[in-house]
Amino acid sequence: MKEKEFNYQFCGFSVVIRNGQGRAKFGKDVVFDTSGESHEKIKSELENQIVDHRISLLTPFISEFDIDTKVLLGLIQIPAVFAERLIHQMHQYANNWGMDVNVRFGLLGMLAEGKPGFPNYQIETSDSSKKETFKFSGEHYGYELFEEGHITPPMSTNHLRAIWCLQ
């Protein structure tokens, strides 16, 4: 009986599990291999290796900000297409407002638990003089701003590129 093949994306890595073997690959340089008795064990081991690798790449970022590792874990699990859309939106706001902008993610949902979820976010000028809030979908959230303690530190487009391994 032929075993099922599992192909999926996790934190930007392509993952393939087949015949008791698993491989996670990001580009040409980063590859993780493992084998095991069950699909779930292989999946878990590969995902742990991926998370450890991605978090290690973000060590300078973690030390620069007072940000919980769980929050980063949640962010890196959100598909990169979200970050690409957000970076484009940030560039539009920077042009409209005539100054650099940052983004801050709301922490009331699953993000604070280390799960990807669908975080709301706030785009603000680098001096915090202008702020707008948005739903994960990009729709305006309204005029209610996020409260300190329930929002991440400000992140630039360079920080987003680092989190999602974008060029």
Foldseek 3Di string as FASTA:
>chain_A
DFDDWDWDDFLQWTWIDGDQKIWTDHPDPDIDIDGDDDPVVRVVVVNVVVLVVLVVLCVVVCVVFVDDSLLLLQQSRPDCVLLVVVLVVQVVVCVVVVAHKWKKWFAPDCSVVSHNPQTKMKIAGPVRPDIFIGTSVRHGPDDDDDDPVGIGPTHGSVRSCSSSVHD
